[in-house]
Amino acid sequence: MFPALRELRPPGEPTRQLTVGVFPGSGNVHLHHAIDSGYFQQAGLEVNVVQVVSSDQQILTSAF
């Protein structure tokens, strides 16, 4: 696990948001498991997963 995700964020600290563009398929099961288990939320990160159909769409979706 990433070091930043090992440490819980103090209550009341702002949540960071991340949008991730992924291709459909079972290769994303680990990402969905981590989201469902609350690992990202505990670290103060709100992850939004968007399915894409092309690399161009993935780049546009994941750009910040």
PDB file of N, CA and C in Angstrom:
ATOM      1  N   MET A   1       0.850  -1.166   0.000  1.00  0.00           N
ATOM      2  CA  MET A   1       0.000   0.000   0.000  1.00  0.00           C
ATOM      3  C   MET A   1       0.898   1.233   0.000  1.00  0.00           C
ATOM      4  N   PHE A   2       0.423   2.293  -0.628  1.00  0.00           N
ATOM      5  CA  PHE A   2       1.181   3.532  -0.676  1.00  0.00           C
ATOM      6  C   PHE A   2       1.323   4.123   0.727  1.00  0.00           C
ATOM      7  N   PRO A   3       2.479   4.670   1.056  1.00  0.00           N
ATOM      8  CA  PRO A   3       2.682   5.233   2.395  1.00  0.00           C
ATOM      9  C   PRO A   3       1.627   6.273   2.764  1.00  0.00           C
ATOM     10  N   ALA A   4       1.221   7.087   1.824  1.00  0.00           N
ATOM     11  CA  ALA A   4       0.233   8.133   2.122  1.00  0.00           C
ATOM     12  C   ALA A   4      -1.106   7.536   2.525  1.00  0.00           C
ATOM     13  N   LEU A   5      -1.400   6.318   2.067  1.00  0.00           N
ATOM     14  CA  LEU A   5      -2.674   5.695   2.386  1.00  0.00           C
ATOM     15  C   LEU A   5      -2.624   4.937   3.710  1.00  0.00           C
ATOM     16  N   ARG A   6      -1.449   4.747   4.262  1.00  0.00           N
ATOM     17  CA  ARG A   6      -1.335   4.045   5.534  1.00  0.00           C
ATOM     18  C   ARG A   6      -1.736   4.929   6.711  1.00  0.00           C
ATOM     19  N   GLU A   7      -1.590   6.224   6.547  1.00  0.00           N
ATOM     20  CA  GLU A   7      -1.867   7.147   7.636  1.00  0.00           C
ATOM     21  C   GLU A   7      -3.273   7.719   7.490  1.00  0.00           C
ATOM     22  N   LEU A   8      -4.046   7.625   8.562  1.00  0.00           N
ATOM     23  CA  LEU A   8      -5.390   8.186   8.548  1.00  0.00           C
ATOM     24  C   LEU A   8      -5.304   9.696   8.657  1.00  0.00           C
ATOM     25  N   ARG A   9      -6.200  10.374   7.959  1.00  0.00           N
ATOM     26  CA  ARG A   9      -6.237  11.830   8.032  1.00  0.00           C
ATOM     27  C   ARG A   9      -7.076  12.242   9.237  1.00  0.00           C
ATOM     28  N   PRO A  10      -6.666  13.285   9.914  1.00  0.00           N
ATOM     29  CA  PRO A  10      -7.437  13.756  11.073  1.00  0.00           C
ATOM     30  C   PRO A  10      -8.844  14.189  10.666  1.00  0.00           C
ATOM     31  N   PRO A  11      -9.829  14.000  11.545  1.00  0.00           N
ATOM     32  CA  PRO A  11     -11.188  14.430  11.249  1.00  0.00           C
ATOM     33  C   PRO A  11     -11.221  15.927  10.960  1.00  0.00           C
ATOM     34  N   GLY A  12     -12.047  16.303   9.997  1.00  0.00           N
ATOM     35  CA  GLY A  12     -12.203  17.707   9.658  1.00  0.00           C
ATOM     36  C   GLY A  12     -11.202  18.208   8.641  1.00  0.00           C
ATOM     37  N   GLU A  13     -10.197  17.410   8.327  1.00  0.00           N
ATOM     38  CA  GLU A  13      -9.232  17.838   7.324  1.00  0.00           C
ATOM     39  C   GLU A  13      -9.877  17.689   5.940  1.00  0.00           C
ATOM     40  N   PRO A  14      -9.616  18.611   5.024  1.00  0.00           N
ATOM     41  CA  PRO A  14     -10.290  18.570   3.720  1.00  0.00           C
ATOM     42  C   PRO A  14      -9.997  17.294   2.945  1.00  0.00           C
ATOM     43  N   THR A  15     -10.962  16.892   2.162  1.00  0.00           N
ATOM     44  CA  THR A  15     -10.827  15.720   1.310  1.00  0.00           C
ATOM     45  C   THR A  15     -10.313  16.155  -0.059  1.00  0.00           C
ATOM     46  N   ARG A  16      -9.367  15.427  -0.596  1.00  0.00           N
ATOM     47  CA  ARG A  16      -8.884  15.673  -1.951  1.00  0.00           C
ATOM     48  C   ARG A  16      -9.684  14.807  -2.898  1.00  0.00           C
ATOM     49  N   GLN A  17      -9.948  15.303  -4.099  1.00  0.00           N
ATOM     50  CA  GLN A  17     -10.740  14.569  -5.086  1.00  0.00           C
ATOM     51  C   GLN A  17      -9.854  14.166  -6.253  1.00  0.00           C
ATOM     52  N   LEU A  18     -10.111  12.955  -6.770  1.00  0.00           N
ATOM     53  CA  LEU A  18      -9.355  12.429  -7.895  1.00  0.00           C
ATOM     54  C   LEU A  18     -10.319  11.720  -8.829  1.00  0.00           C
ATOM     55  N   THR A  19     -10.296  12.088 -10.104  1.00  0.00           N
ATOM     56  CA  THR A  19     -11.087  11.393 -11.110  1.00  0.00           C
ATOM     57  C   THR A  19     -10.142  10.536 -11.933  1.00  0.00           C
ATOM     58  N   VAL A  20     -10.507   9.268 -12.084  1.00  0.00           N
ATOM     59  CA  VAL A  20      -9.663   8.310 -12.787  1.00  0.00           C
ATOM     60  C   VAL A  20     -10.448   7.725 -13.951  1.00  0.00           C
ATOM     61  N   GLY A  21      -9.899   7.843 -15.165  1.00  0.00           N
ATOM     62  CA  GLY A  21     -10.514   7.240 -16.345  1.00  0.00           C
ATOM     63  C   GLY A  21      -9.946   5.851 -16.553  1.00  0.00           C
ATOM     64  N   VAL A  22     -10.802   4.837 -16.568  1.00  0.00           N
ATOM     65  CA  VAL A  22     -10.353   3.446 -16.722  1.00  0.00           C
ATOM     66  C   VAL A  22     -11.123   2.767 -17.840  1.00  0.00           C
ATOM     67  N   PHE A  23     -10.483   1.800 -18.466  1.00  0.00           N
ATOM     68  CA  PHE A  23     -11.144   0.988 -19.470  1.00  0.00           C
ATOM     69  C   PHE A  23     -11.962  -0.098 -18.772  1.00  0.00           C
ATOM     70  N   PRO A  24     -13.109  -0.457 -19.318  1.00  0.00           N
ATOM     71  CA  PRO A  24     -13.927  -1.508 -18.704  1.00  0.00           C
ATOM     72  C   PRO A  24     -13.149  -2.823 -18.629  1.00  0.00           C
ATOM     73  N   GLY A  25     -13.409  -3.589 -17.601  1.00  0.00           N
ATOM     74  CA  GLY A  25     -12.781  -4.906 -17.494  1.00  0.00           C
ATOM     75  C   GLY A  25     -12.445  -5.265 -16.063  1.00  0.00           C
ATOM     76  N   SER A  26     -12.073  -6.514 -15.899  1.00  0.00           N
ATOM     77  CA  SER A  26     -11.793  -7.027 -14.558  1.00  0.00           C
ATOM     78  C   SER A  26     -10.447  -6.555 -14.026  1.00  0.00           C
ATOM     79  N   GLY A  27      -9.642  -5.903 -14.853  1.00  0.00           N
ATOM     80  CA  GLY A  27      -8.348  -5.390 -14.405  1.00  0.00           C
ATOM     81  C   GLY A  27      -8.475  -4.269 -13.389  1.00  0.00           C
ATOM     82  N   ASN A  28      -9.687  -3.766 -13.208  1.00  0.00           N
ATOM     83  CA  ASN A  28      -9.919  -2.661 -12.271  1.00  0.00           C
ATOM     84  C   ASN A  28     -10.475  -3.134 -10.940  1.00  0.00           C
ATOM     85  N   VAL A  29     -10.568  -4.440 -10.746  1.00  0.00           N
ATOM     86  CA  VAL A  29     -11.191  -4.968  -9.537  1.00  0.00           C
ATOM     87  C   VAL A  29     -10.457  -4.500  -8.280  1.00  0.00           C
ATOM     88  N   HIS A  30      -9.147  -4.393  -8.344  1.00  0.00           N
ATOM     89  CA  HIS A  30      -8.379  -3.938  -7.179  1.00  0.00           C
ATOM     90  C   HIS A  30      -8.705  -2.495  -6.815  1.00  0.00           C
ATOM     91  N   LEU A  31      -8.938  -1.666  -7.820  1.00  0.00           N
ATOM     92  CA  LEU A  31      -9.290  -0.266  -7.582  1.00  0.00           C
ATOM     93  C   LEU A  31     -10.666  -0.164  -6.920  1.00  0.00           C
ATOM     94  N   HIS A  32     -11.626  -0.917  -7.444  1.00  0.00           N
ATOM     95  CA  HIS A  32     -12.976  -0.896  -6.871  1.00  0.00           C
ATOM     96  C   HIS A  32     -12.989  -1.488  -5.453  1.00  0.00           C
ATOM     97  N   HIS A  33     -12.171  -2.493  -5.235  1.00  0.00           N
ATOM     98  CA  HIS A  33     -12.078  -3.077  -3.886  1.00  0.00           C
ATOM     99  C   HIS A  33     -11.539  -2.046  -2.889  1.00  0.00           C
ATOM    100  N   ALA A  34     -10.506  -1.330  -3.294  1.00  0.00           N
ATOM    101  CA  ALA A  34      -9.923  -0.312  -2.409  1.00  0.00           C
ATOM    102  C   ALA A  34     -10.932   0.796  -2.114  1.00  0.00           C
ATOM    103  N   ILE A  35     -11.706   1.190  -3.113  1.00  0.00           N
ATOM    104  CA  ILE A  35     -12.731   2.218  -2.907  1.00  0.00           C
ATOM    105  C   ILE A  35     -13.804   1.694  -1.968  1.00  0.00           C
ATOM    106  N   ASP A  36     -14.314   0.490  -2.260  1.00  0.00           N
ATOM    107  CA  ASP A  36     -15.385  -0.095  -1.442  1.00  0.00           C
ATOM    108  C   ASP A  36     -14.931  -0.355  -0.002  1.00  0.00           C
ATOM    109  N   SER A  37     -13.664  -0.647   0.189  1.00  0.00           N
ATOM    110  CA  SER A  37     -13.138  -0.923   1.529  1.00  0.00           C
ATOM    111  C   SER A  37     -12.860   0.358   2.314  1.00  0.00           C
ATOM    112  N   GLY A  38     -12.913   1.496   1.625  1.00  0.00           N
ATOM    113  CA  GLY A  38     -12.720   2.774   2.302  1.00  0.00           C
ATOM    114  C   GLY A  38     -11.274   3.191   2.484  1.00  0.00           C
ATOM    115  N   TYR A  39     -10.350   2.515   1.802  1.00  0.00           N
ATOM    116  CA  TYR A  39      -8.935   2.839   1.966  1.00  0.00           C
ATOM    117  C   TYR A  39      -8.627   4.272   1.537  1.00  0.00           C
ATOM    118  N   PHE A  40      -9.155   4.672   0.396  1.00  0.00           N
ATOM    119  CA  PHE A  40      -8.896   6.028  -0.088  1.00  0.00           C
ATOM    120  C   PHE A  40      -9.582   7.061   0.801  1.00  0.00           C
ATOM    121  N   GLN A  41     -10.797   6.768   1.213  1.00  0.00           N
ATOM    122  CA  GLN A  41     -11.548   7.690   2.061  1.00  0.00           C
ATOM    123  C   GLN A  41     -10.825   7.906   3.392  1.00  0.00           C
ATOM    124  N   GLN A  42     -10.282   6.859   3.966  1.00  0.00           N
ATOM    125  CA  GLN A  42      -9.535   6.978   5.218  1.00  0.00           C
ATOM    126  C   GLN A  42      -8.335   7.899   5.066  1.00  0.00           C
ATOM    127  N   ALA A  43      -7.777   7.923   3.861  1.00  0.00           N
ATOM    128  CA  ALA A  43      -6.616   8.764   3.601  1.00  0.00           C
ATOM    129  C   ALA A  43      -7.022  10.161   3.150  1.00  0.00           C
ATOM    130  N   GLY A  44      -8.338  10.428   3.115  1.00  0.00           N
ATOM    131  CA  GLY A  44      -8.812  11.750   2.736  1.00  0.00           C
ATOM    132  C   GLY A  44      -8.877  11.974   1.247  1.00  0.00           C
ATOM    133  N   LEU A  45      -9.014  10.893   0.486  1.00  0.00           N
ATOM    134  CA  LEU A  45      -9.050  10.993  -0.973  1.00  0.00           C
ATOM    135  C   LEU A  45     -10.366  10.446  -1.487  1.00  0.00           C
ATOM    136  N   GLU A  46     -11.091  11.270  -2.203  1.00  0.00           N
ATOM    137  CA  GLU A  46     -12.354  10.848  -2.812  1.00  0.00           C
ATOM    138  C   GLU A  46     -12.062  10.500  -4.269  1.00  0.00           C
ATOM    139  N   VAL A  47     -12.234   9.225  -4.628  1.00  0.00           N
ATOM    140  CA  VAL A  47     -11.908   8.744  -5.962  1.00  0.00           C
ATOM    141  C   VAL A  47     -13.191   8.547  -6.764  1.00  0.00           C
ATOM    142  N   ASN A  48     -13.225   9.152  -7.939  1.00  0.00           N
ATOM    143  CA  ASN A  48     -14.348   9.018  -8.860  1.00  0.00           C
ATOM    144  C   ASN A  48     -13.854   8.247 -10.083  1.00  0.00           C
ATOM    145  N   VAL A  49     -14.396   7.059 -10.313  1.00  0.00           N
ATOM    146  CA  VAL A  49     -13.977   6.214 -11.430  1.00  0.00           C
ATOM    147  C   VAL A  49     -14.940   6.415 -12.595  1.00  0.00           C
ATOM    148  N   VAL A  50     -14.375   6.726 -13.768  1.00  0.00           N
ATOM    149  CA  VAL A  50     -15.163   6.936 -14.979  1.00  0.00           C
ATOM    150  C   VAL A  50     -14.665   5.956 -16.034  1.00  0.00           C
ATOM    151  N   GLN A  51     -15.588   5.190 -16.617  1.00  0.00           N
ATOM    152  CA  GLN A  51     -15.188   4.268 -17.678  1.00  0.00           C
ATOM    153  C   GLN A  51     -15.031   5.030 -18.986  1.00  0.00           C
ATOM    154  N   VAL A  52     -13.965   4.720 -19.708  1.00  0.00           N
ATOM    155  CA  VAL A  52     -13.660   5.375 -20.981  1.00  0.00           C
ATOM    156  C   VAL A  52     -13.493   4.310 -22.062  1.00  0.00           C
ATOM    157  N   VAL A  53     -13.512   4.761 -23.318  1.00  0.00           N
ATOM    158  CA  VAL A  53     -13.385   3.818 -24.438  1.00  0.00           C
ATOM    159  C   VAL A  53     -12.166   4.109 -25.311  1.00  0.00           C
ATOM    160  N   SER A  54     -11.432   5.186 -25.010  1.00  0.00           N
ATOM    161  CA  SER A  54     -10.243   5.499 -25.796  1.00  0.00           C
ATOM    162  C   SER A  54      -9.192   6.164 -24.909  1.00  0.00           C
ATOM    163  N   SER A  55      -7.961   6.130 -25.362  1.00  0.00           N
ATOM    164  CA  SER A  55      -6.884   6.769 -24.606  1.00  0.00           C
ATOM    165  C   SER A  55      -7.082   8.275 -24.549  1.00  0.00           C
ATOM    166  N   ASP A  56      -7.566   8.857 -25.650  1.00  0.00           N
ATOM    167  CA  ASP A  56      -7.830  10.297 -25.647  1.00  0.00           C
ATOM    168  C   ASP A  56      -8.842  10.675 -24.587  1.00  0.00           C
ATOM    169  N   GLN A  57      -9.903   9.885 -24.491  1.00  0.00           N
ATOM    170  CA  GLN A  57     -10.939  10.138 -23.493  1.00  0.00           C
ATOM    171  C   GLN A  57     -10.354   9.950 -22.088  1.00  0.00           C
ATOM    172  N   GLN A  58      -9.487   8.979 -21.919  1.00  0.00           N
ATOM    173  CA  GLN A  58      -8.871   8.730 -20.618  1.00  0.00           C
ATOM    174  C   GLN A  58      -8.007   9.921 -20.194  1.00  0.00           C
ATOM    175  N   ILE A  59      -7.258  10.474 -21.115  1.00  0.00           N
ATOM    176  CA  ILE A  59      -6.405  11.625 -20.809  1.00  0.00           C
ATOM    177  C   ILE A  59      -7.268  12.829 -20.419  1.00  0.00           C
ATOM    178  N   LEU A  60      -8.342  13.069 -21.159  1.00  0.00           N
ATOM    179  CA  LEU A  60      -9.217  14.201 -20.852  1.00  0.00           C
ATOM    180  C   LEU A  60      -9.933  14.017 -19.532  1.00  0.00           C
ATOM    181  N   THR A  61     -10.348  12.798 -19.230  1.00  0.00           N
ATOM    182  CA  THR A  61     -11.068  12.511 -17.996  1.00  0.00           C
ATOM    183  C   THR A  61     -10.176  12.640 -16.777  1.00  0.00           C
ATOM    184  N   SER A  62      -8.945  12.184 -16.897  1.00  0.00           N
ATOM    185  CA  SER A  62      -8.039  12.156 -15.763  1.00  0.00           C
ATOM    186  C   SER A  62      -7.238  13.450 -15.595  1.00  0.00           C
ATOM    187  N   ALA A  63      -7.367  14.374 -16.531  1.00  0.00           N
ATOM    188  CA  ALA A  63      -6.617  15.627 -16.429  1.00  0.00           C
ATOM    189  C   ALA A  63      -7.141  16.456 -15.274  1.00  0.00           C
ATOM    190  N   PHE A  64      -6.251  17.193 -14.662  1.00  0.00           N
ATOM    191  CA  PHE A  64      -6.674  18.023 -13.531  1.00  0.00           C
ATOM    192  C   PHE A  64      -6.290  19.424 -13.719  1.00  0.00           C
TER     193      PHE A  64
END
